[in-house]
PDB file of N, CA and C in Angstrom:
ATOM      1  N   TYR A   1      14.118  64.996  33.770  1.00  0.00           N
ATOM      2  CA  TYR A   1      15.003  65.012  32.636  1.00  0.00           C
ATOM      3  C   TYR A   1      14.737  63.873  31.657  1.00  0.00           C
ATOM      4  N   ASP A   2      13.989  62.863  32.041  1.00  0.00           N
ATOM      5  CA  ASP A   2      13.753  61.732  31.141  1.00  0.00           C
ATOM      6  C   ASP A   2      13.174  62.184  29.801  1.00  0.00           C
ATOM      7  N   ASN A   3      12.293  63.175  29.818  1.00  0.00           N
ATOM      8  CA  ASN A   3      11.666  63.642  28.580  1.00  0.00           C
ATOM      9  C   ASN A   3      12.622  64.376  27.655  1.00  0.00           C
ATOM     10  N   LEU A   4      13.719  64.863  28.152  1.00  0.00           N
ATOM     11  CA  LEU A   4      14.631  65.647  27.321  1.00  0.00           C
ATOM     12  C   LEU A   4      15.253  64.813  26.216  1.00  0.00           C
ATOM     13  N   PHE A   5      15.735  63.610  26.542  1.00  0.00           N
ATOM     14  CA  PHE A   5      16.391  62.764  25.541  1.00  0.00           C
ATOM     15  C   PHE A   5      15.720  61.406  25.377  1.00  0.00           C
ATOM     16  N   HIS A   6      14.581  61.224  26.005  1.00  0.00           N
ATOM     17  CA  HIS A   6      13.794  59.991  25.880  1.00  0.00           C
ATOM     18  C   HIS A   6      14.545  58.749  26.340  1.00  0.00           C
ATOM     19  N   ILE A   7      15.250  58.880  27.426  1.00  0.00           N
ATOM     20  CA  ILE A   7      15.917  57.752  28.077  1.00  0.00           C
ATOM     21  C   ILE A   7      15.883  57.997  29.583  1.00  0.00           C
ATOM     22  N   PRO A   8      16.008  56.948  30.402  1.00  0.00           N
ATOM     23  CA  PRO A   8      16.142  57.174  31.840  1.00  0.00           C
ATOM     24  C   PRO A   8      17.396  58.008  32.091  1.00  0.00           C
ATOM     25  N   PHE A   9      17.279  58.999  32.914  1.00  0.00           N
ATOM     26  CA  PHE A   9      18.332  60.007  33.030  1.00  0.00           C
ATOM     27  C   PHE A   9      19.141  59.860  34.312  1.00  0.00           C
ATOM     28  N   PRO A  10      20.422  59.544  34.202  1.00  0.00           N
ATOM     29  CA  PRO A  10      21.276  59.483  35.389  1.00  0.00           C
ATOM     30  C   PRO A  10      21.626  60.897  35.859  1.00  0.00           C
ATOM     31  N   TYR A  11      22.005  61.022  37.101  1.00  0.00           N
ATOM     32  CA  TYR A  11      22.417  62.328  37.609  1.00  0.00           C
ATOM     33  C   TYR A  11      23.329  62.148  38.814  1.00  0.00           C
ATOM     34  N   THR A  12      24.037  63.219  39.131  1.00  0.00           N
ATOM     35  CA  THR A  12      24.811  63.297  40.360  1.00  0.00           C
ATOM     36  C   THR A  12      24.163  64.373  41.215  1.00  0.00           C
ATOM     37  N   MET A  13      24.018  64.116  42.501  1.00  0.00           N
ATOM     38  CA  MET A  13      23.392  65.084  43.386  1.00  0.00           C
ATOM     39  C   MET A  13      24.373  65.468  44.486  1.00  0.00           C
ATOM     40  N   GLY A  14      24.380  66.735  44.852  1.00  0.00           N
ATOM     41  CA  GLY A  14      25.216  67.201  45.950  1.00  0.00           C
ATOM     42  C   GLY A  14      24.443  68.165  46.831  1.00  0.00           C
ATOM     43  N   TRP A  15      24.835  68.259  48.084  1.00  0.00           N
ATOM     44  CA  TRP A  15      24.165  69.117  49.062  1.00  0.00           C
ATOM     45  C   TRP A  15      25.092  70.227  49.529  1.00  0.00           C
ATOM     46  N   HIS A  16      24.504  71.403  49.763  1.00  0.00           N
ATOM     47  CA  HIS A  16      25.208  72.516  50.394  1.00  0.00           C
ATOM     48  C   HIS A  16      24.490  72.828  51.697  1.00  0.00           C
ATOM     49  N   GLY A  17      25.227  72.830  52.781  1.00  0.00           N
ATOM     50  CA  GLY A  17      24.679  73.213  54.075  1.00  0.00           C
ATOM     51  C   GLY A  17      25.254  74.554  54.498  1.00  0.00           C
ATOM     52  N   ALA A  18      24.840  75.030  55.636  1.00  0.00           N
ATOM     53  CA  ALA A  18      25.341  76.304  56.157  1.00  0.00           C
ATOM     54  C   ALA A  18      26.812  76.175  56.541  1.00  0.00           C
ATOM     55  N   PRO A  19      27.563  77.269  56.421  1.00  0.00           N
ATOM     56  CA  PRO A  19      28.948  77.252  56.897  1.00  0.00           C
ATOM     57  C   PRO A  19      28.995  76.907  58.388  1.00  0.00           C
ATOM     58  N   THR A  20      30.112  76.391  58.835  1.00  0.00           N
ATOM     59  CA  THR A  20      30.204  75.914  60.223  1.00  0.00           C
ATOM     60  C   THR A  20      31.111  76.764  61.100  1.00  0.00           C
ATOM     61  N   ASP A  21      31.439  77.979  60.646  1.00  0.00           N
ATOM     62  CA  ASP A  21      32.227  78.838  61.538  1.00  0.00           C
ATOM     63  C   ASP A  21      31.289  79.493  62.555  1.00  0.00           C
ATOM     64  N   SER A  22      31.752  80.445  63.316  1.00  0.00           N
ATOM     65  CA  SER A  22      30.952  81.012  64.413  1.00  0.00           C
ATOM     66  C   SER A  22      30.057  82.177  63.984  1.00  0.00           C
ATOM     67  N   GLU A  23      29.962  82.465  62.706  1.00  0.00           N
ATOM     68  CA  GLU A  23      29.110  83.565  62.233  1.00  0.00           C
ATOM     69  C   GLU A  23      27.632  83.159  62.275  1.00  0.00           C
ATOM     70  N   ASP A  24      26.753  84.172  62.194  1.00  0.00           N
ATOM     71  CA  ASP A  24      25.309  83.924  62.189  1.00  0.00           C
ATOM     72  C   ASP A  24      24.840  83.641  60.759  1.00  0.00           C
ATOM     73  N   TYR A  25      24.361  82.440  60.518  1.00  0.00           N
ATOM     74  CA  TYR A  25      23.860  82.056  59.198  1.00  0.00           C
ATOM     75  C   TYR A  25      22.404  81.604  59.286  1.00  0.00           C
ATOM     76  N   THR A  26      21.610  82.289  60.089  1.00  0.00           N
ATOM     77  CA  THR A  26      20.210  81.889  60.229  1.00  0.00           C
ATOM     78  C   THR A  26      19.438  82.044  58.917  1.00  0.00           C
ATOM     79  N   TYR A  27      19.923  82.858  58.014  1.00  0.00           N
ATOM     80  CA  TYR A  27      19.274  83.045  56.720  1.00  0.00           C
ATOM     81  C   TYR A  27      19.576  81.900  55.758  1.00  0.00           C
ATOM     82  N   TRP A  28      20.569  81.101  56.073  1.00  0.00           N
ATOM     83  CA  TRP A  28      21.050  80.070  55.147  1.00  0.00           C
ATOM     84  C   TRP A  28      20.022  78.953  54.992  1.00  0.00           C
ATOM     85  N   GLN A  29      19.892  78.442  53.772  1.00  0.00           N
ATOM     86  CA  GLN A  29      18.988  77.326  53.520  1.00  0.00           C
ATOM     87  C   GLN A  29      19.774  76.142  52.970  1.00  0.00           C
ATOM     88  N   LEU A  30      19.432  74.963  53.432  1.00  0.00           N
ATOM     89  CA  LEU A  30      19.994  73.743  52.872  1.00  0.00           C
ATOM     90  C   LEU A  30      19.466  73.596  51.445  1.00  0.00           C
ATOM     91  N   HIS A  31      20.339  73.308  50.506  1.00  0.00           N
ATOM     92  CA  HIS A  31      19.864  73.114  49.138  1.00  0.00           C
ATOM     93  C   HIS A  31      20.674  72.045  48.422  1.00  0.00           C
ATOM     94  N   ALA A  32      20.057  71.493  47.393  1.00  0.00           N
ATOM     95  CA  ALA A  32      20.672  70.405  46.631  1.00  0.00           C
ATOM     96  C   ALA A  32      20.908  70.850  45.195  1.00  0.00           C
ATOM     97  N   HIS A  33      21.905  70.241  44.579  1.00  0.00           N
ATOM     98  CA  HIS A  33      22.183  70.427  43.153  1.00  0.00           C
ATOM     99  C   HIS A  33      22.027  69.080  42.472  1.00  0.00           C
ATOM    100  N   PHE A  34      21.421  69.080  41.303  1.00  0.00           N
ATOM    101  CA  PHE A  34      21.316  67.876  40.491  1.00  0.00           C
ATOM    102  C   PHE A  34      22.062  68.133  39.188  1.00  0.00           C
ATOM    103  N   PHE A  35      23.045  67.301  38.893  1.00  0.00           N
ATOM    104  CA  PHE A  35      23.859  67.486  37.703  1.00  0.00           C
ATOM    105  C   PHE A  35      23.728  66.284  36.777  1.00  0.00           C
ATOM    106  N   PRO A  36      23.119  66.477  35.607  1.00  0.00           N
ATOM    107  CA  PRO A  36      23.023  65.388  34.645  1.00  0.00           C
ATOM    108  C   PRO A  36      24.267  65.340  33.757  1.00  0.00           C
ATOM    109  N   PRO A  37      24.725  64.142  33.371  1.00  0.00           N
ATOM    110  CA  PRO A  37      25.875  64.065  32.482  1.00  0.00           C
ATOM    111  C   PRO A  37      25.503  64.245  31.016  1.00  0.00           C
ATOM    112  N   LEU A  38      24.223  64.233  30.680  1.00  0.00           N
ATOM    113  CA  LEU A  38      23.806  64.393  29.291  1.00  0.00           C
ATOM    114  C   LEU A  38      23.433  65.847  29.052  1.00  0.00           C
ATOM    115  N   LEU A  39      23.980  66.427  27.995  1.00  0.00           N
ATOM    116  CA  LEU A  39      23.736  67.841  27.740  1.00  0.00           C
ATOM    117  C   LEU A  39      23.064  68.107  26.402  1.00  0.00           C
ATOM    118  N   ARG A  40      23.577  67.521  25.350  1.00  0.00           N
ATOM    119  CA  ARG A  40      23.063  67.827  24.018  1.00  0.00           C
ATOM    120  C   ARG A  40      22.283  66.692  23.390  1.00  0.00           C
ATOM    121  N   SER A  41      22.622  65.461  23.725  1.00  0.00           N
ATOM    122  CA  SER A  41      21.915  64.309  23.173  1.00  0.00           C
ATOM    123  C   SER A  41      22.087  63.129  24.118  1.00  0.00           C
ATOM    124  N   SER A  42      21.399  62.040  23.826  1.00  0.00           N
ATOM    125  CA  SER A  42      21.505  60.862  24.686  1.00  0.00           C
ATOM    126  C   SER A  42      22.813  60.118  24.481  1.00  0.00           C
ATOM    127  N   THR A  43      23.600  60.511  23.487  1.00  0.00           N
ATOM    128  CA  THR A  43      24.857  59.812  23.204  1.00  0.00           C
ATOM    129  C   THR A  43      26.100  60.611  23.571  1.00  0.00           C
ATOM    130  N   VAL A  44      25.951  61.881  23.911  1.00  0.00           N
ATOM    131  CA  VAL A  44      27.097  62.725  24.267  1.00  0.00           C
ATOM    132  C   VAL A  44      27.038  63.000  25.763  1.00  0.00           C
ATOM    133  N   LYS A  45      27.993  62.464  26.508  1.00  0.00           N
ATOM    134  CA  LYS A  45      28.001  62.633  27.958  1.00  0.00           C
ATOM    135  C   LYS A  45      29.110  63.578  28.386  1.00  0.00           C
ATOM    136  N   LYS A  46      28.880  64.303  29.460  1.00  0.00           N
ATOM    137  CA  LYS A  46      29.870  65.194  30.063  1.00  0.00           C
ATOM    138  C   LYS A  46      29.998  64.773  31.510  1.00  0.00           C
ATOM    139  N   PHE A  47      31.078  64.104  31.841  1.00  0.00           N
ATOM    140  CA  PHE A  47      31.303  63.692  33.219  1.00  0.00           C
ATOM    141  C   PHE A  47      32.134  64.750  33.920  1.00  0.00           C
ATOM    142  N   MET A  48      31.655  65.204  35.049  1.00  0.00           N
ATOM    143  CA  MET A  48      32.346  66.252  35.785  1.00  0.00           C
ATOM    144  C   MET A  48      33.449  65.666  36.646  1.00  0.00           C
ATOM    145  N   VAL A  49      34.438  66.494  36.867  1.00  0.00           N
ATOM    146  CA  VAL A  49      35.534  66.111  37.755  1.00  0.00           C
ATOM    147  C   VAL A  49      35.296  66.744  39.118  1.00  0.00           C
ATOM    148  N   GLY A  50      36.115  66.404  40.094  1.00  0.00           N
ATOM    149  CA  GLY A  50      35.904  66.834  41.466  1.00  0.00           C
ATOM    150  C   GLY A  50      35.629  68.313  41.658  1.00  0.00           C
ATOM    151  N   TYR A  51      36.438  69.186  41.082  1.00  0.00           N
ATOM    152  CA  TYR A  51      36.262  70.621  41.336  1.00  0.00           C
ATOM    153  C   TYR A  51      34.990  71.158  40.708  1.00  0.00           C
ATOM    154  N   GLU A  52      34.452  70.480  39.716  1.00  0.00           N
ATOM    155  CA  GLU A  52      33.225  70.948  39.084  1.00  0.00           C
ATOM    156  C   GLU A  52      31.974  70.545  39.857  1.00  0.00           C
ATOM    157  N   MET A  53      32.062  69.465  40.589  1.00  0.00           N
ATOM    158  CA  MET A  53      30.865  68.849  41.141  1.00  0.00           C
ATOM    159  C   MET A  53      29.985  69.828  41.924  1.00  0.00           C
ATOM    160  N   LEU A  54      30.525  70.543  42.876  1.00  0.00           N
ATOM    161  CA  LEU A  54      29.709  71.482  43.648  1.00  0.00           C
ATOM    162  C   LEU A  54      30.332  72.863  43.701  1.00  0.00           C
ATOM    163  N   SER A  55      31.168  73.154  42.752  1.00  0.00           N
ATOM    164  CA  SER A  55      31.826  74.450  42.724  1.00  0.00           C
ATOM    165  C   SER A  55      31.435  75.164  41.437  1.00  0.00           C
ATOM    166  N   GLU A  56      32.363  75.409  40.566  1.00  0.00           N
ATOM    167  CA  GLU A  56      32.117  76.123  39.315  1.00  0.00           C
ATOM    168  C   GLU A  56      31.959  75.111  38.188  1.00  0.00           C
ATOM    169  N   VAL A  57      30.734  74.894  37.773  1.00  0.00           N
ATOM    170  CA  VAL A  57      30.454  73.889  36.756  1.00  0.00           C
ATOM    171  C   VAL A  57      30.840  74.403  35.372  1.00  0.00           C
ATOM    172  N   GLN A  58      31.480  73.572  34.591  1.00  0.00           N
ATOM    173  CA  GLN A  58      31.880  73.908  33.229  1.00  0.00           C
ATOM    174  C   GLN A  58      30.896  73.254  32.267  1.00  0.00           C
ATOM    175  N   ARG A  59      30.096  74.038  31.598  1.00  0.00           N
ATOM    176  CA  ARG A  59      29.084  73.505  30.682  1.00  0.00           C
ATOM    177  C   ARG A  59      29.318  74.039  29.274  1.00  0.00           C
ATOM    178  N   ASP A  60      28.826  73.286  28.297  1.00  0.00           N
ATOM    179  CA  ASP A  60      28.975  73.741  26.920  1.00  0.00           C
ATOM    180  C   ASP A  60      27.681  74.337  26.366  1.00  0.00           C
ATOM    181  N   LEU A  61      26.751  74.697  27.239  1.00  0.00           N
ATOM    182  CA  LEU A  61      25.596  75.478  26.847  1.00  0.00           C
ATOM    183  C   LEU A  61      25.254  76.401  28.012  1.00  0.00           C
ATOM    184  N   THR A  62      24.589  77.493  27.690  1.00  0.00           N
ATOM    185  CA  THR A  62      24.296  78.480  28.729  1.00  0.00           C
ATOM    186  C   THR A  62      23.141  78.016  29.612  1.00  0.00           C
ATOM    187  N   GLN A  63      23.056  78.598  30.796  1.00  0.00           N
ATOM    188  CA  GLN A  63      21.944  78.295  31.698  1.00  0.00           C
ATOM    189  C   GLN A  63      20.616  78.674  31.056  1.00  0.00           C
ATOM    190  N   GLU A  64      20.611  79.769  30.326  1.00  0.00           N
ATOM    191  CA  GLU A  64      19.390  80.229  29.681  1.00  0.00           C
ATOM    192  C   GLU A  64      18.910  79.230  28.623  1.00  0.00           C
ATOM    193  N   LYS A  65      19.849  78.705  27.832  1.00  0.00           N
ATOM    194  CA  LYS A  65      19.501  77.726  26.798  1.00  0.00           C
ATOM    195  C   LYS A  65      18.986  76.432  27.438  1.00  0.00           C
ATOM    196  N   ALA A  66      19.639  75.987  28.496  1.00  0.00           N
ATOM    197  CA  ALA A  66      19.193  74.780  29.195  1.00  0.00           C
ATOM    198  C   ALA A  66      17.799  74.991  29.782  1.00  0.00           C
ATOM    199  N   ALA A  67      17.555  76.147  30.382  1.00  0.00           N
ATOM    200  CA  ALA A  67      16.239  76.447  30.960  1.00  0.00           C
ATOM    201  C   ALA A  67      15.167  76.480  29.877  1.00  0.00           C
ATOM    202  N   GLU A  68      15.490  77.045  28.726  1.00  0.00           N
ATOM    203  CA  GLU A  68      14.539  77.084  27.613  1.00  0.00           C
ATOM    204  C   GLU A  68      14.171  75.668  27.159  1.00  0.00           C
ATOM    205  N   GLN A  69      15.164  74.800  27.046  1.00  0.00           N
ATOM    206  CA  GLN A  69      14.899  73.418  26.642  1.00  0.00           C
ATOM    207  C   GLN A  69      13.986  72.724  27.649  1.00  0.00           C
ATOM    208  N   LEU A  70      14.246  72.922  28.933  1.00  0.00           N
ATOM    209  CA  LEU A  70      13.424  72.283  29.960  1.00  0.00           C
ATOM    210  C   LEU A  70      12.002  72.837  29.976  1.00  0.00           C
ATOM    211  N   ARG A  71      11.852  74.146  29.777  1.00  0.00           N
ATOM    212  CA  ARG A  71      10.512  74.756  29.748  1.00  0.00           C
ATOM    213  C   ARG A  71       9.675  74.221  28.591  1.00  0.00           C
ATOM    214  N   ASN A  72      10.316  73.893  27.477  1.00  0.00           N
ATOM    215  CA  ASN A  72       9.601  73.457  26.280  1.00  0.00           C
ATOM    216  C   ASN A  72       9.262  71.969  26.263  1.00  0.00           C
ATOM    217  N   LEU A  73       9.637  71.232  27.295  1.00  0.00           N
ATOM    218  CA  LEU A  73       9.356  69.798  27.334  1.00  0.00           C
ATOM    219  C   LEU A  73       7.890  69.528  27.642  1.00  0.00           C
ATOM    220  N   SER A  74       7.420  68.384  27.181  1.00  0.00           N
ATOM    221  CA  SER A  74       6.066  67.939  27.509  1.00  0.00           C
ATOM    222  C   SER A  74       5.991  67.600  28.993  1.00  0.00           C
ATOM    223  N   GLU A  75       4.831  67.783  29.588  1.00  0.00           N
ATOM    224  CA  GLU A  75       4.640  67.400  30.982  1.00  0.00           C
ATOM    225  C   GLU A  75       4.301  65.919  31.112  1.00  0.00           C
ATOM    226  N   ILE A  76       4.064  65.258  29.993  1.00  0.00           N
ATOM    227  CA  ILE A  76       3.767  63.828  29.986  1.00  0.00           C
ATOM    228  C   ILE A  76       5.069  63.073  29.771  1.00  0.00           C
ATOM    229  N   HIS A  77       5.354  62.110  30.645  1.00  0.00           N
ATOM    230  CA  HIS A  77       6.593  61.336  30.535  1.00  0.00           C
ATOM    231  C   HIS A  77       6.662  60.680  29.157  1.00  0.00           C
ATOM    232  N   TYR A  78       7.824  60.671  28.555  1.00  0.00           N
ATOM    233  CA  TYR A  78       7.972  60.187  27.184  1.00  0.00           C
ATOM    234  C   TYR A  78       7.511  58.746  27.004  1.00  0.00           C
ATOM    235  N   LYS A  79       7.680  57.890  28.009  1.00  0.00           N
ATOM    236  CA  LYS A  79       7.245  56.496  27.881  1.00  0.00           C
ATOM    237  C   LYS A  79       5.723  56.394  27.815  1.00  0.00           C
ATOM    238  N   LEU A  80       5.030  57.257  28.523  1.00  0.00           N
ATOM    239  CA  LEU A  80       3.566  57.264  28.484  1.00  0.00           C
ATOM    240  C   LEU A  80       3.055  57.864  27.184  1.00  0.00           C
ATOM    241  N   ARG A  81       3.752  58.844  26.675  1.00  0.00           N
ATOM    242  CA  ARG A  81       3.339  59.519  25.448  1.00  0.00           C
ATOM    243  C   ARG A  81       3.386  58.572  24.257  1.00  0.00           C
ATOM    244  N   TYR A  82       4.361  57.681  24.220  1.00  0.00           N
ATOM    245  CA  TYR A  82       4.529  56.800  23.067  1.00  0.00           C
ATOM    246  C   TYR A  82       3.718  55.517  23.161  1.00  0.00           C
ATOM    247  N   LYS A  83       3.004  55.311  24.259  1.00  0.00           N
ATOM    248  CA  LYS A  83       2.144  54.136  24.384  1.00  0.00           C
ATOM    249  C   LYS A  83       0.869  54.292  23.570  1.00  0.00           C
ATOM    250  N   GLU A  84       0.502  55.518  23.305  1.00  0.00           N
ATOM    251  CA  GLU A  84      -0.764  55.780  22.598  1.00  0.00           C
ATOM    252  C   GLU A  84      -0.686  55.398  21.141  1.00  0.00           C
TER     253      GLU A  84
END
């Protein structure tokens, strides 16, 4: 995410594990979520509250728009790009 707004990017990370009841969850995979507080610019932050953290996230842009922005980023870290 550093290349998105040209600053070191903070994030919150959370883990989801398999349910712990007596059902068979052999198909379940451990996975992580990374949530950045910056959405539109380096100066506008969105801090999530407890229910948003690993449940239903409230965002002001669509997943598709966010994915498009990430796909269009340079693969060269912004700090290296500006050294030239």
